[in-house]
C-alpha atoms as a PDB file:
ATOM      1  CA  UNK A   1     106.657 123.155 210.036  1.00  0.00           C
ATOM      2  CA  UNK A   2     106.303 122.528 213.977  1.00  0.00           C
ATOM      3  CA  UNK A   3     102.956 122.503 215.826  1.00  0.00           C
ATOM      4  CA  UNK A   4     102.702 123.162 219.387  1.00  0.00           C
ATOM      5  CA  UNK A   5      99.485 121.378 221.203  1.00  0.00           C
ATOM      6  CA  UNK A   6      98.637 122.634 224.632  1.00  0.00           C
ATOM      7  CA  UNK A   7      96.253 121.555 227.567  1.00  0.00           C
ATOM      8  CA  UNK A   8      95.244 121.736 230.997  1.00  0.00           C
ATOM      9  CA  UNK A   9      93.685 125.707 230.902  1.00  0.00           C
ATOM     10  CA  UNK A  10      90.693 126.073 233.089  1.00  0.00           C
ATOM     11  CA  UNK A  11      88.388 127.635 235.191  1.00  0.00           C
ATOM     12  CA  UNK A  12      89.869 127.903 238.943  1.00  0.00           C
ATOM     13  CA  UNK A  13      89.004 129.602 242.233  1.00  0.00           C
ATOM     14  CA  UNK A  14      91.530 132.175 243.932  1.00  0.00           C
ATOM     15  CA  UNK A  15      94.043 130.450 245.733  1.00  0.00           C
ATOM     16  CA  UNK A  16      93.787 127.144 243.687  1.00  0.00           C
ATOM     17  CA  UNK A  17      96.172 125.485 241.025  1.00  0.00           C
ATOM     18  CA  UNK A  18      96.545 124.754 237.390  1.00  0.00           C
ATOM     19  CA  UNK A  19      99.204 122.259 235.492  1.00  0.00           C
ATOM     20  CA  UNK A  20      99.728 123.472 231.725  1.00  0.00           C
ATOM     21  CA  UNK A  21     101.596 121.487 228.936  1.00  0.00           C
ATOM     22  CA  UNK A  22     102.632 122.011 225.510  1.00  0.00           C
ATOM     23  CA  UNK A  23     104.015 119.499 223.146  1.00  0.00           C
ATOM     24  CA  UNK A  24     105.974 120.203 219.873  1.00  0.00           C
ATOM     25  CA  UNK A  25     105.400 117.877 216.846  1.00  0.00           C
ATOM     26  CA  UNK A  26     107.590 115.162 216.398  1.00  0.00           C
ATOM     27  CA  UNK A  27     109.567 116.822 213.646  1.00  0.00           C
ATOM     28  CA  UNK A  28     111.210 118.774 216.183  1.00  0.00           C
ATOM     29  CA  UNK A  29     114.866 117.659 217.328  1.00  0.00           C
ATOM     30  CA  UNK A  30     116.618 120.373 219.418  1.00  0.00           C
ATOM     31  CA  UNK A  31     114.842 123.535 220.601  1.00  0.00           C
ATOM     32  CA  UNK A  32     116.256 126.697 222.203  1.00  0.00           C
ATOM     33  CA  UNK A  33     113.856 128.322 224.207  1.00  0.00           C
ATOM     34  CA  UNK A  34     110.453 126.905 225.471  1.00  0.00           C
ATOM     35  CA  UNK A  35     107.939 129.540 227.773  1.00  0.00           C
ATOM     36  CA  UNK A  36     105.030 130.690 228.538  1.00  0.00           C
ATOM     37  CA  UNK A  37     103.171 133.459 227.378  1.00  0.00           C
ATOM     38  CA  UNK A  38      99.563 135.518 228.738  1.00  0.00           C
ATOM     39  CA  UNK A  39      97.252 137.905 226.878  1.00  0.00           C
ATOM     40  CA  UNK A  40      94.823 139.478 229.112  1.00  0.00           C
ATOM     41  CA  UNK A  41      91.788 142.018 227.613  1.00  0.00           C
ATOM     42  CA  UNK A  42      92.487 144.882 226.940  1.00  0.00           C
ATOM     43  CA  UNK A  43      96.555 144.248 227.209  1.00  0.00           C
ATOM     44  CA  UNK A  44      99.765 143.043 225.691  1.00  0.00           C
ATOM     45  CA  UNK A  45     100.913 139.578 225.536  1.00  0.00           C
ATOM     46  CA  UNK A  46     103.673 139.244 228.251  1.00  0.00           C
ATOM     47  CA  UNK A  47     105.609 136.619 229.019  1.00  0.00           C
ATOM     48  CA  UNK A  48     105.669 134.491 231.886  1.00  0.00           C
ATOM     49  CA  UNK A  49     108.228 132.358 231.917  1.00  0.00           C
ATOM     50  CA  UNK A  50     110.910 130.537 229.980  1.00  0.00           C
ATOM     51  CA  UNK A  51     113.164 128.090 230.431  1.00  0.00           C
ATOM     52  CA  UNK A  52     116.084 127.438 227.804  1.00  0.00           C
ATOM     53  CA  UNK A  53     118.534 124.488 226.813  1.00  0.00           C
ATOM     54  CA  UNK A  54     121.010 123.706 229.289  1.00  0.00           C
ATOM     55  CA  UNK A  55     119.835 126.750 231.542  1.00  0.00           C
ATOM     56  CA  UNK A  56     117.166 127.724 234.500  1.00  0.00           C
ATOM     57  CA  UNK A  57     114.086 129.004 234.603  1.00  0.00           C
ATOM     58  CA  UNK A  58     113.118 132.763 234.284  1.00  0.00           C
ATOM     59  CA  UNK A  59     110.000 134.384 235.309  1.00  0.00           C
ATOM     60  CA  UNK A  60     107.957 137.585 235.571  1.00  0.00           C
ATOM     61  CA  UNK A  61     107.704 139.203 238.783  1.00  0.00           C
ATOM     62  CA  UNK A  62     104.440 139.041 239.143  1.00  0.00           C
ATOM     63  CA  UNK A  63     104.306 134.998 238.951  1.00  0.00           C
ATOM     64  CA  UNK A  64     107.756 134.312 240.697  1.00  0.00           C
ATOM     65  CA  UNK A  65     107.104 132.261 244.000  1.00  0.00           C
ATOM     66  CA  UNK A  66     104.050 130.576 242.134  1.00  0.00           C
ATOM     67  CA  UNK A  67     104.683 129.298 239.176  1.00  0.00           C
ATOM     68  CA  UNK A  68     107.052 126.870 237.910  1.00  0.00           C
ATOM     69  CA  UNK A  69     108.244 126.098 234.826  1.00  0.00           C
ATOM     70  CA  UNK A  70     110.226 122.761 233.508  1.00  0.00           C
ATOM     71  CA  UNK A  71     110.640 120.911 230.524  1.00  0.00           C
ATOM     72  CA  UNK A  72     111.538 117.303 229.319  1.00  0.00           C
ATOM     73  CA  UNK A  73     113.590 117.462 226.480  1.00  0.00           C
ATOM     74  CA  UNK A  74     112.872 113.822 225.460  1.00  0.00           C
ATOM     75  CA  UNK A  75     109.575 114.732 224.743  1.00  0.00           C
ATOM     76  CA  UNK A  76     109.932 117.897 223.902  1.00  0.00           C
ATOM     77  CA  UNK A  77     107.489 119.208 226.297  1.00  0.00           C
ATOM     78  CA  UNK A  78     107.289 122.184 228.763  1.00  0.00           C
ATOM     79  CA  UNK A  79     104.870 122.191 231.570  1.00  0.00           C
ATOM     80  CA  UNK A  80     104.023 125.527 233.449  1.00  0.00           C
ATOM     81  CA  UNK A  81     102.575 124.509 237.488  1.00  0.00           C
ATOM     82  CA  UNK A  82     100.534 127.498 238.590  1.00  0.00           C
ATOM     83  CA  UNK A  83      99.770 127.729 242.324  1.00  0.00           C
ATOM     84  CA  UNK A  84      98.488 130.466 244.457  1.00  0.00           C
ATOM     85  CA  UNK A  85      96.267 131.822 241.037  1.00  0.00           C
ATOM     86  CA  UNK A  86      94.969 135.332 241.339  1.00  0.00           C
ATOM     87  CA  UNK A  87      92.140 137.026 239.554  1.00  0.00           C
ATOM     88  CA  UNK A  88      94.823 139.031 237.844  1.00  0.00           C
ATOM     89  CA  UNK A  89      96.437 135.828 236.265  1.00  0.00           C
ATOM     90  CA  UNK A  90      93.189 135.172 234.376  1.00  0.00           C
ATOM     91  CA  UNK A  91      94.193 135.469 230.886  1.00  0.00           C
ATOM     92  CA  UNK A  92      94.779 133.334 227.222  1.00  0.00           C
ATOM     93  CA  UNK A  93      98.158 131.360 228.000  1.00  0.00           C
ATOM     94  CA  UNK A  94     100.063 130.590 224.743  1.00  0.00           C
ATOM     95  CA  UNK A  95     103.015 128.326 224.315  1.00  0.00           C
ATOM     96  CA  UNK A  96     106.317 129.469 222.383  1.00  0.00           C
ATOM     97  CA  UNK A  97     109.604 127.735 221.453  1.00  0.00           C
ATOM     98  CA  UNK A  98     112.477 129.000 219.935  1.00  0.00           C
ATOM     99  CA  UNK A  99     115.320 128.658 217.952  1.00  0.00           C
ATOM    100  CA  UNK A 100     114.311 125.055 216.908  1.00  0.00           C
ATOM    101  CA  UNK A 101     116.131 122.210 214.689  1.00  0.00           C
ATOM    102  CA  UNK A 102     114.034 120.137 212.794  1.00  0.00           C
ATOM    103  CA  UNK A 103     114.649 117.008 211.055  1.00  0.00           C
ATOM    104  CA  UNK A 104     116.459 117.122 207.735  1.00  0.00           C
ATOM    105  CA  UNK A 105     118.821 119.595 209.157  1.00  0.00           C
ATOM    106  CA  UNK A 106     116.319 122.854 208.573  1.00  0.00           C
ATOM    107  CA  UNK A 107     115.551 125.090 211.483  1.00  0.00           C
ATOM    108  CA  UNK A 108     112.539 127.754 212.510  1.00  0.00           C
ATOM    109  CA  UNK A 109     113.236 130.601 214.282  1.00  0.00           C
ATOM    110  CA  UNK A 110     109.731 130.035 216.459  1.00  0.00           C
ATOM    111  CA  UNK A 111     106.835 128.349 217.022  1.00  0.00           C
ATOM    112  CA  UNK A 112     103.517 128.932 218.936  1.00  0.00           C
ATOM    113  CA  UNK A 113     100.125 127.407 220.491  1.00  0.00           C
ATOM    114  CA  UNK A 114      96.854 128.499 219.928  1.00  0.00           C
ATOM    115  CA  UNK A 115      96.345 129.415 223.432  1.00  0.00           C
ATOM    116  CA  UNK A 116      94.325 128.029 226.423  1.00  0.00           C
ATOM    117  CA  UNK A 117      92.042 129.782 228.529  1.00  0.00           C
ATOM    118  CA  UNK A 118      92.901 130.533 232.186  1.00  0.00           C
ATOM    119  CA  UNK A 119      90.130 132.276 234.463  1.00  0.00           C
ATOM    120  CA  UNK A 120      90.629 132.814 237.943  1.00  0.00           C
ATOM    121  CA  UNK A 121      87.219 133.557 239.479  1.00  0.00           C
ATOM    122  CA  UNK A 122      85.134 132.976 242.559  1.00  0.00           C
END
């Protein structure tokens, strides 16, 4: 079973920046999609950004031009650089991976991190 470990959340003022990281456990050989979701209080979880193997990134309109997603396949790690943060970006951010090929020729359809809090407030 793949585990995702997140880091980088915290409190930041409007206009500030944060960088989130998420690494998949060592049992992972290949991953199709790696991305970030977020869920604010009283709202449904929404896709923030995703990057698939051999492809470029896709972003929610609300973060386009401010956030940058990237991945390091050798480290099974995905990053989310968040700039020009706004109060409406406040949410729990969850790392997600899909289409995971594991050691022993096994497959896992998806995995979630436990979430990290991002709070944007003055």
